[in-house]
Structures are given as structure tokens and as C-alpha cells.
């Protein structure tokens, strides 16, 4: 339990500290653009390519109807993808399926690599994939478990910060073409509604993921209270 809690605190520190966040934010961008790409394929849009940039931004290019459910789902997938991926990682990690989790990540990275259209993106994915492969192939089981818990916590916590940054940018009028504003043009709902929806999904994923990683056994706690012995 204490290892799990320390992993969560370490991930929180990485997300909150500006320097470490700037370095690690690219991992969230990979999950963000991967979410766009995966949903585009699931909704039968043609995926033209993915670009990852050194400033931690990214873009996923798709082709198909400019409106409709497919475009809406594709646009909505980006900001919630890191949190949902973190929730899946928390579930597999808590269930002890460490190997399945690591090789699933490698498979997703390999599929994404096929669609990368710039050198920086290729180097980024190869670096991440190499680190995951080294962890799965050379690290002992205990280190693998700690590594996957760190990754799950980072995705769960780190998935929230870009949404808060998006809300702040929109208030200053600096994100006119954000995913939320694209969704506002595709639907009857305002962009602020989608920012709230992104934040709600990320918050629920964090709460559920935290419970999976560090479950609070409420009956046991209650039994330990005075008068319940």
C-alpha cells in the first residue's frame, strides 16, 4: 500500500512541478493524439497521419464527413484519452496483469508509429517504446509493478491538467480552434460544456483508478472504530 501511495505522490509531483511537467507532458500528448486516432478508425474515418511536436503539442489528421457522429466522437476523444488509458492501466495493474499491460502499450505504440508523419514523433515513440520494452523484458516483477503504477497514476493525474489549461486559455480567448470549440461548432452545445464534460470524465477516472490502485476497505475501517469492536 505504501508503495502505491508513494507512486501516486511521485506522479502528482511530476504533474505539479513546472519543469518536470514540461518534460513529461509529451506522454500525455501521445495518449491524446492516440485517442483521436483510435476513435477515428473505430468510426470509419480515414486516418491520414499524426504529428507530435517538440513543444508537446500534436495534431491528428483524418478524412471523412466534416460533420456527424464520427467527427464528433473523434474530436471528443483526445482530452479524455489519457484519463481513460490511465483507468485501464490501473485496472490491469491492480489485477496483477502487468505483462498484458506492458505488451498492450507496446502494441498501441507500434500501431501509432505507423501513422506518425514527422521525425520528432518517430523519435518520441521509439524512445517511449524502448523504455517500455526494457521494463517488460529486463526488469524484475516488483520493478515492473512499480513502473506500471507510476504510469497509471501519471496518466490519471496528468490527464486533468491539460483540461484545466484549456479552460484557462479559452477564458483568455487563446484557443479558438481547440477540441471543445470544434465540438461547439459541430453540436448545439457551447465549448464550455465540453470542457466541463472532459473534466468530469477525468475526475471520475481518477477517483475510480485511485480506488483500484489503493482500495479503501470501508467495512474494515468501520470495524476499527470505537464501539464497533
C-alpha atoms as a PDB file:
ATOM      1  CA  UNK A   1       0.000   0.000   0.000  1.00  0.00           C
ATOM      2  CA  UNK A   2       2.742   2.470   0.919  1.00  0.00           C
ATOM      3  CA  UNK A   3       4.485   1.835  -2.408  1.00  0.00           C
ATOM      4  CA  UNK A   4       1.242   2.596  -4.239  1.00  0.00           C
ATOM      5  CA  UNK A   5       0.720   5.800  -2.276  1.00  0.00           C
ATOM      6  CA  UNK A   6       4.305   6.922  -2.867  1.00  0.00           C
ATOM      7  CA  UNK A   7       3.883   6.242  -6.588  1.00  0.00           C
ATOM      8  CA  UNK A   8       0.780   8.423  -6.603  1.00  0.00           C
ATOM      9  CA  UNK A   9       2.569  11.226  -4.752  1.00  0.00           C
ATOM     10  CA  UNK A  10       5.514  10.989  -7.141  1.00  0.00           C
ATOM     11  CA  UNK A  11       3.194  11.263 -10.144  1.00  0.00           C
ATOM     12  CA  UNK A  12       1.435  14.230  -8.527  1.00  0.00           C
ATOM     13  CA  UNK A  13       4.781  15.947  -8.004  1.00  0.00           C
ATOM     14  CA  UNK A  14       5.765  15.398 -11.639  1.00  0.00           C
ATOM     15  CA  UNK A  15       2.493  16.926 -12.834  1.00  0.00           C
ATOM     16  CA  UNK A  16       2.567  19.918 -10.480  1.00  0.00           C
ATOM     17  CA  UNK A  17       6.234  20.874 -10.819  1.00  0.00           C
ATOM     18  CA  UNK A  18       6.593  23.062 -13.953  1.00  0.00           C
ATOM     19  CA  UNK A  19       9.942  21.679 -15.172  1.00  0.00           C
ATOM     20  CA  UNK A  20       9.055  18.001 -14.803  1.00  0.00           C
ATOM     21  CA  UNK A  21       5.626  18.653 -16.309  1.00  0.00           C
ATOM     22  CA  UNK A  22       7.130  20.314 -19.362  1.00  0.00           C
ATOM     23  CA  UNK A  23       9.391  17.303 -19.866  1.00  0.00           C
ATOM     24  CA  UNK A  24       6.758  14.636 -19.284  1.00  0.00           C
ATOM     25  CA  UNK A  25       3.778  16.379 -20.872  1.00  0.00           C
ATOM     26  CA  UNK A  26       4.633  14.805 -24.213  1.00  0.00           C
ATOM     27  CA  UNK A  27       3.452  11.464 -22.824  1.00  0.00           C
ATOM     28  CA  UNK A  28       0.005  12.955 -22.309  1.00  0.00           C
ATOM     29  CA  UNK A  29       0.114  14.330 -25.858  1.00  0.00           C
ATOM     30  CA  UNK A  30       0.866  10.840 -27.199  1.00  0.00           C
ATOM     31  CA  UNK A  31      -2.199   9.481 -25.376  1.00  0.00           C
ATOM     32  CA  UNK A  32      -4.286  12.472 -26.525  1.00  0.00           C
ATOM     33  CA  UNK A  33      -3.459  12.057 -30.209  1.00  0.00           C
ATOM     34  CA  UNK A  34      -3.697   8.293 -29.928  1.00  0.00           C
ATOM     35  CA  UNK A  35      -7.240   8.709 -28.625  1.00  0.00           C
ATOM     36  CA  UNK A  36      -8.175  10.824 -31.642  1.00  0.00           C
ATOM     37  CA  UNK A  37      -6.621   8.277 -33.991  1.00  0.00           C
ATOM     38  CA  UNK A  38      -8.224   5.212 -32.408  1.00  0.00           C
ATOM     39  CA  UNK A  39     -11.731   6.678 -32.347  1.00  0.00           C
ATOM     40  CA  UNK A  40     -11.318   7.919 -35.928  1.00  0.00           C
ATOM     41  CA  UNK A  41     -10.581   4.362 -37.029  1.00  0.00           C
ATOM     42  CA  UNK A  42     -13.439   2.939 -34.953  1.00  0.00           C
ATOM     43  CA  UNK A  43     -15.868   5.395 -36.553  1.00  0.00           C
ATOM     44  CA  UNK A  44     -14.524   4.522 -40.030  1.00  0.00           C
ATOM     45  CA  UNK A  45     -12.853   7.808 -40.726  1.00  0.00           C
ATOM     46  CA  UNK A  46      -9.692   7.672 -42.800  1.00  0.00           C
ATOM     47  CA  UNK A  47      -6.634   8.373 -40.684  1.00  0.00           C
ATOM     48  CA  UNK A  48      -4.138  10.414 -42.682  1.00  0.00           C
ATOM     49  CA  UNK A  49      -1.418  10.870 -40.106  1.00  0.00           C
ATOM     50  CA  UNK A  50      -0.263  12.019 -36.673  1.00  0.00           C
ATOM     51  CA  UNK A  51       2.313  14.659 -35.827  1.00  0.00           C
ATOM     52  CA  UNK A  52       3.985  15.185 -32.456  1.00  0.00           C
ATOM     53  CA  UNK A  53       5.882  18.427 -31.909  1.00  0.00           C
ATOM     54  CA  UNK A  54       8.737  19.384 -29.615  1.00  0.00           C
ATOM     55  CA  UNK A  55       6.559  21.954 -27.818  1.00  0.00           C
ATOM     56  CA  UNK A  56       4.417  18.993 -26.591  1.00  0.00           C
ATOM     57  CA  UNK A  57       1.597  19.837 -28.996  1.00  0.00           C
ATOM     58  CA  UNK A  58       0.270  17.431 -31.591  1.00  0.00           C
ATOM     59  CA  UNK A  59      -2.228  17.041 -34.396  1.00  0.00           C
ATOM     60  CA  UNK A  60      -4.147  14.109 -35.840  1.00  0.00           C
ATOM     61  CA  UNK A  61      -5.371  14.430 -39.413  1.00  0.00           C
ATOM     62  CA  UNK A  62      -8.415  12.472 -40.543  1.00  0.00           C
ATOM     63  CA  UNK A  63     -10.557  12.494 -43.634  1.00  0.00           C
ATOM     64  CA  UNK A  64     -14.289  11.913 -43.936  1.00  0.00           C
ATOM     65  CA  UNK A  65     -17.544  13.745 -43.356  1.00  0.00           C
ATOM     66  CA  UNK A  66     -16.822  17.123 -41.710  1.00  0.00           C
ATOM     67  CA  UNK A  67     -19.891  16.676 -39.524  1.00  0.00           C
ATOM     68  CA  UNK A  68     -21.796  13.821 -37.947  1.00  0.00           C
ATOM     69  CA  UNK A  69     -21.238  11.323 -35.111  1.00  0.00           C
ATOM     70  CA  UNK A  70     -17.874  10.130 -36.397  1.00  0.00           C
ATOM     71  CA  UNK A  71     -16.350  13.597 -36.397  1.00  0.00           C
ATOM     72  CA  UNK A  72     -17.915  14.446 -33.033  1.00  0.00           C
ATOM     73  CA  UNK A  73     -16.587  11.290 -31.355  1.00  0.00           C
ATOM     74  CA  UNK A  74     -13.143  11.794 -32.880  1.00  0.00           C
ATOM     75  CA  UNK A  75     -12.931  15.383 -31.642  1.00  0.00           C
ATOM     76  CA  UNK A  76     -14.181  14.416 -28.184  1.00  0.00           C
ATOM     77  CA  UNK A  77     -11.733  11.556 -27.681  1.00  0.00           C
ATOM     78  CA  UNK A  78      -8.486  13.481 -27.246  1.00  0.00           C
ATOM     79  CA  UNK A  79      -8.770  15.126 -23.854  1.00  0.00           C
ATOM     80  CA  UNK A  80     -10.354  12.108 -22.155  1.00  0.00           C
ATOM     81  CA  UNK A  81      -7.975   9.534 -23.684  1.00  0.00           C
ATOM     82  CA  UNK A  82      -5.126   9.894 -21.131  1.00  0.00           C
ATOM     83  CA  UNK A  83      -7.504   9.505 -18.187  1.00  0.00           C
ATOM     84  CA  UNK A  84      -9.288   6.515 -19.693  1.00  0.00           C
ATOM     85  CA  UNK A  85      -5.972   4.914 -20.605  1.00  0.00           C
ATOM     86  CA  UNK A  86      -4.824   5.517 -17.032  1.00  0.00           C
ATOM     87  CA  UNK A  87      -8.001   3.897 -15.727  1.00  0.00           C
ATOM     88  CA  UNK A  88      -7.364   0.835 -17.876  1.00  0.00           C
ATOM     89  CA  UNK A  89      -3.760   0.724 -16.675  1.00  0.00           C
ATOM     90  CA  UNK A  90      -4.926   0.966 -13.051  1.00  0.00           C
ATOM     91  CA  UNK A  91      -7.363  -1.901 -13.559  1.00  0.00           C
ATOM     92  CA  UNK A  92      -4.790  -4.194 -15.176  1.00  0.00           C
ATOM     93  CA  UNK A  93      -2.121  -3.230 -12.641  1.00  0.00           C
ATOM     94  CA  UNK A  94      -4.418  -3.825  -9.670  1.00  0.00           C
ATOM     95  CA  UNK A  95      -5.454  -7.194 -11.136  1.00  0.00           C
ATOM     96  CA  UNK A  96      -1.819  -8.226 -11.477  1.00  0.00           C
ATOM     97  CA  UNK A  97      -1.824  -8.349 -15.288  1.00  0.00           C
ATOM     98  CA  UNK A  98       1.446  -6.439 -15.566  1.00  0.00           C
ATOM     99  CA  UNK A  99       2.771  -8.285 -18.621  1.00  0.00           C
ATOM    100  CA  UNK A 100      -0.501  -7.862 -20.503  1.00  0.00           C
ATOM    101  CA  UNK A 101      -0.470  -4.144 -19.707  1.00  0.00           C
ATOM    102  CA  UNK A 102       3.106  -3.600 -20.874  1.00  0.00           C
ATOM    103  CA  UNK A 103       2.688  -5.509 -24.125  1.00  0.00           C
ATOM    104  CA  UNK A 104      -0.636  -3.815 -24.817  1.00  0.00           C
ATOM    105  CA  UNK A 105       1.117  -0.449 -24.515  1.00  0.00           C
ATOM    106  CA  UNK A 106       3.851  -1.658 -26.883  1.00  0.00           C
ATOM    107  CA  UNK A 107       1.248  -2.802 -29.398  1.00  0.00           C
ATOM    108  CA  UNK A 108      -0.573   0.538 -29.280  1.00  0.00           C
ATOM    109  CA  UNK A 109       2.693   2.424 -29.701  1.00  0.00           C
ATOM    110  CA  UNK A 110       3.673   0.257 -32.663  1.00  0.00           C
ATOM    111  CA  UNK A 111       0.324   0.876 -34.372  1.00  0.00           C
ATOM    112  CA  UNK A 112       0.627   4.599 -33.718  1.00  0.00           C
ATOM    113  CA  UNK A 113       4.177   4.625 -35.083  1.00  0.00           C
ATOM    114  CA  UNK A 114       2.861   3.535 -38.472  1.00  0.00           C
ATOM    115  CA  UNK A 115       0.865   6.755 -38.710  1.00  0.00           C
ATOM    116  CA  UNK A 116       3.489   9.236 -37.493  1.00  0.00           C
ATOM    117  CA  UNK A 117       4.378  11.777 -40.167  1.00  0.00           C
ATOM    118  CA  UNK A 118       7.319  13.698 -38.668  1.00  0.00           C
ATOM    119  CA  UNK A 119      10.793  12.837 -37.370  1.00  0.00           C
ATOM    120  CA  UNK A 120      10.260  14.148 -33.842  1.00  0.00           C
ATOM    121  CA  UNK A 121       7.167  11.973 -33.499  1.00  0.00           C
ATOM    122  CA  UNK A 122       9.054   8.873 -34.642  1.00  0.00           C
ATOM    123  CA  UNK A 123      11.902   9.532 -32.204  1.00  0.00           C
ATOM    124  CA  UNK A 124       9.437  10.157 -29.362  1.00  0.00           C
ATOM    125  CA  UNK A 125       7.530   6.927 -29.879  1.00  0.00           C
ATOM    126  CA  UNK A 126      10.701   4.871 -30.316  1.00  0.00           C
ATOM    127  CA  UNK A 127      12.061   6.304 -27.066  1.00  0.00           C
ATOM    128  CA  UNK A 128       8.859   5.561 -25.148  1.00  0.00           C
ATOM    129  CA  UNK A 129       8.555   2.124 -26.713  1.00  0.00           C
ATOM    130  CA  UNK A 130      12.179   1.321 -25.921  1.00  0.00           C
ATOM    131  CA  UNK A 131      11.668   2.254 -22.274  1.00  0.00           C
ATOM    132  CA  UNK A 132       8.511   0.120 -22.012  1.00  0.00           C
ATOM    133  CA  UNK A 133      10.224  -2.827 -23.733  1.00  0.00           C
ATOM    134  CA  UNK A 134      13.228  -2.593 -21.404  1.00  0.00           C
ATOM    135  CA  UNK A 135      10.893  -2.540 -18.400  1.00  0.00           C
ATOM    136  CA  UNK A 136       8.947  -5.576 -19.632  1.00  0.00           C
ATOM    137  CA  UNK A 137      11.989  -7.591 -20.718  1.00  0.00           C
ATOM    138  CA  UNK A 138      14.731  -6.832 -18.196  1.00  0.00           C
ATOM    139  CA  UNK A 139      13.128  -5.521 -15.017  1.00  0.00           C
ATOM    140  CA  UNK A 140      12.122  -7.904 -12.195  1.00  0.00           C
ATOM    141  CA  UNK A 141       8.391  -8.247 -11.451  1.00  0.00           C
ATOM    142  CA  UNK A 142       8.441  -5.869  -8.475  1.00  0.00           C
ATOM    143  CA  UNK A 143      10.023  -3.097 -10.531  1.00  0.00           C
ATOM    144  CA  UNK A 144       7.538  -3.748 -13.351  1.00  0.00           C
ATOM    145  CA  UNK A 145       4.657  -3.386 -10.889  1.00  0.00           C
ATOM    146  CA  UNK A 146       6.018  -0.092  -9.542  1.00  0.00           C
ATOM    147  CA  UNK A 147       6.613   1.200 -13.070  1.00  0.00           C
ATOM    148  CA  UNK A 148       3.087   0.407 -14.210  1.00  0.00           C
ATOM    149  CA  UNK A 149       1.614   2.009 -11.086  1.00  0.00           C
ATOM    150  CA  UNK A 150       3.634   5.164 -11.735  1.00  0.00           C
ATOM    151  CA  UNK A 151       2.397   5.198 -15.333  1.00  0.00           C
ATOM    152  CA  UNK A 152      -1.221   4.697 -14.264  1.00  0.00           C
ATOM    153  CA  UNK A 153      -1.039   7.457 -11.648  1.00  0.00           C
ATOM    154  CA  UNK A 154       0.670   9.810 -14.088  1.00  0.00           C
ATOM    155  CA  UNK A 155      -1.998   9.305 -16.757  1.00  0.00           C
ATOM    156  CA  UNK A 156      -4.826   9.681 -14.233  1.00  0.00           C
ATOM    157  CA  UNK A 157      -3.433  12.841 -12.661  1.00  0.00           C
ATOM    158  CA  UNK A 158      -1.760  14.240 -15.760  1.00  0.00           C
ATOM    159  CA  UNK A 159      -4.943  13.838 -17.788  1.00  0.00           C
ATOM    160  CA  UNK A 160      -6.591  16.571 -15.715  1.00  0.00           C
ATOM    161  CA  UNK A 161      -4.010  19.333 -16.084  1.00  0.00           C
ATOM    162  CA  UNK A 162      -4.375  19.862 -19.889  1.00  0.00           C
ATOM    163  CA  UNK A 163      -8.113  20.272 -19.417  1.00  0.00           C
ATOM    164  CA  UNK A 164      -7.564  22.945 -16.778  1.00  0.00           C
ATOM    165  CA  UNK A 165      -5.041  24.615 -19.089  1.00  0.00           C
ATOM    166  CA  UNK A 166      -7.589  24.509 -21.902  1.00  0.00           C
ATOM    167  CA  UNK A 167     -10.204  26.166 -19.697  1.00  0.00           C
ATOM    168  CA  UNK A 168      -7.755  28.941 -18.794  1.00  0.00           C
ATOM    169  CA  UNK A 169      -6.771  29.507 -22.437  1.00  0.00           C
ATOM    170  CA  UNK A 170     -10.390  29.662 -23.577  1.00  0.00           C
ATOM    171  CA  UNK A 171     -11.150  32.284 -20.934  1.00  0.00           C
ATOM    172  CA  UNK A 172      -8.371  34.427 -22.410  1.00  0.00           C
ATOM    173  CA  UNK A 173      -9.518  33.735 -25.964  1.00  0.00           C
ATOM    174  CA  UNK A 174      -6.304  31.898 -26.851  1.00  0.00           C
ATOM    175  CA  UNK A 175      -7.790  28.593 -28.032  1.00  0.00           C
ATOM    176  CA  UNK A 176     -10.344  29.343 -30.764  1.00  0.00           C
ATOM    177  CA  UNK A 177      -9.677  26.053 -32.578  1.00  0.00           C
ATOM    178  CA  UNK A 178      -9.487  23.751 -29.564  1.00  0.00           C
ATOM    179  CA  UNK A 179     -11.276  20.409 -29.488  1.00  0.00           C
ATOM    180  CA  UNK A 180     -14.001  21.947 -27.301  1.00  0.00           C
ATOM    181  CA  UNK A 181     -14.586  24.770 -29.786  1.00  0.00           C
ATOM    182  CA  UNK A 182     -14.647  22.346 -32.702  1.00  0.00           C
ATOM    183  CA  UNK A 183     -17.289  20.346 -30.830  1.00  0.00           C
ATOM    184  CA  UNK A 184     -19.230  23.562 -30.214  1.00  0.00           C
ATOM    185  CA  UNK A 185     -19.366  24.116 -33.973  1.00  0.00           C
ATOM    186  CA  UNK A 186     -20.450  20.517 -34.560  1.00  0.00           C
ATOM    187  CA  UNK A 187     -23.162  20.394 -31.892  1.00  0.00           C
ATOM    188  CA  UNK A 188     -25.738  22.706 -30.280  1.00  0.00           C
ATOM    189  CA  UNK A 189     -23.699  22.844 -27.049  1.00  0.00           C
ATOM    190  CA  UNK A 190     -21.150  25.560 -26.159  1.00  0.00           C
ATOM    191  CA  UNK A 191     -17.461  24.867 -25.807  1.00  0.00           C
ATOM    192  CA  UNK A 192     -17.571  25.344 -22.049  1.00  0.00           C
ATOM    193  CA  UNK A 193     -19.955  22.402 -21.788  1.00  0.00           C
ATOM    194  CA  UNK A 194     -17.397  20.103 -23.366  1.00  0.00           C
ATOM    195  CA  UNK A 195     -14.595  21.404 -21.159  1.00  0.00           C
ATOM    196  CA  UNK A 196     -16.778  20.537 -18.157  1.00  0.00           C
ATOM    197  CA  UNK A 197     -17.533  17.117 -19.677  1.00  0.00           C
ATOM    198  CA  UNK A 198     -13.816  16.428 -20.238  1.00  0.00           C
ATOM    199  CA  UNK A 199     -13.084  17.421 -16.654  1.00  0.00           C
ATOM    200  CA  UNK A 200     -15.898  15.271 -15.287  1.00  0.00           C
ATOM    201  CA  UNK A 201     -14.690  12.169 -17.145  1.00  0.00           C
ATOM    202  CA  UNK A 202     -11.113  12.771 -15.999  1.00  0.00           C
ATOM    203  CA  UNK A 203     -12.176  13.299 -12.379  1.00  0.00           C
ATOM    204  CA  UNK A 204     -14.294  10.129 -12.304  1.00  0.00           C
ATOM    205  CA  UNK A 205     -11.449   8.159 -13.880  1.00  0.00           C
ATOM    206  CA  UNK A 206      -9.057   9.483 -11.215  1.00  0.00           C
ATOM    207  CA  UNK A 207     -11.376   8.523  -8.349  1.00  0.00           C
ATOM    208  CA  UNK A 208     -12.076   5.034  -9.711  1.00  0.00           C
ATOM    209  CA  UNK A 209      -8.443   4.484 -10.687  1.00  0.00           C
ATOM    210  CA  UNK A 210      -7.253   5.575  -7.241  1.00  0.00           C
ATOM    211  CA  UNK A 211      -9.667   3.123  -5.635  1.00  0.00           C
ATOM    212  CA  UNK A 212      -8.396   0.312  -7.859  1.00  0.00           C
ATOM    213  CA  UNK A 213      -4.764   1.086  -7.097  1.00  0.00           C
ATOM    214  CA  UNK A 214      -5.220   1.793  -3.375  1.00  0.00           C
ATOM    215  CA  UNK A 215      -8.621   0.412  -2.356  1.00  0.00           C
ATOM    216  CA  UNK A 216     -10.137   1.780   0.830  1.00  0.00           C
ATOM    217  CA  UNK A 217     -11.752  -1.098   2.703  1.00  0.00           C
ATOM    218  CA  UNK A 218     -14.551   0.838   4.391  1.00  0.00           C
ATOM    219  CA  UNK A 219     -16.004  -2.121   6.388  1.00  0.00           C
ATOM    220  CA  UNK A 220     -12.576  -2.795   7.907  1.00  0.00           C
ATOM    221  CA  UNK A 221     -12.175   0.866   8.807  1.00  0.00           C
ATOM    222  CA  UNK A 222     -15.604   0.965  10.420  1.00  0.00           C
ATOM    223  CA  UNK A 223     -14.872  -2.193  12.402  1.00  0.00           C
ATOM    224  CA  UNK A 224     -11.832  -0.499  13.866  1.00  0.00           C
ATOM    225  CA  UNK A 225     -13.784   2.488  15.174  1.00  0.00           C
ATOM    226  CA  UNK A 226     -14.631   2.740  18.902  1.00  0.00           C
ATOM    227  CA  UNK A 227     -17.784   0.873  19.704  1.00  0.00           C
ATOM    228  CA  UNK A 228     -17.568  -1.366  16.619  1.00  0.00           C
ATOM    229  CA  UNK A 229     -15.091  -3.907  18.027  1.00  0.00           C
END
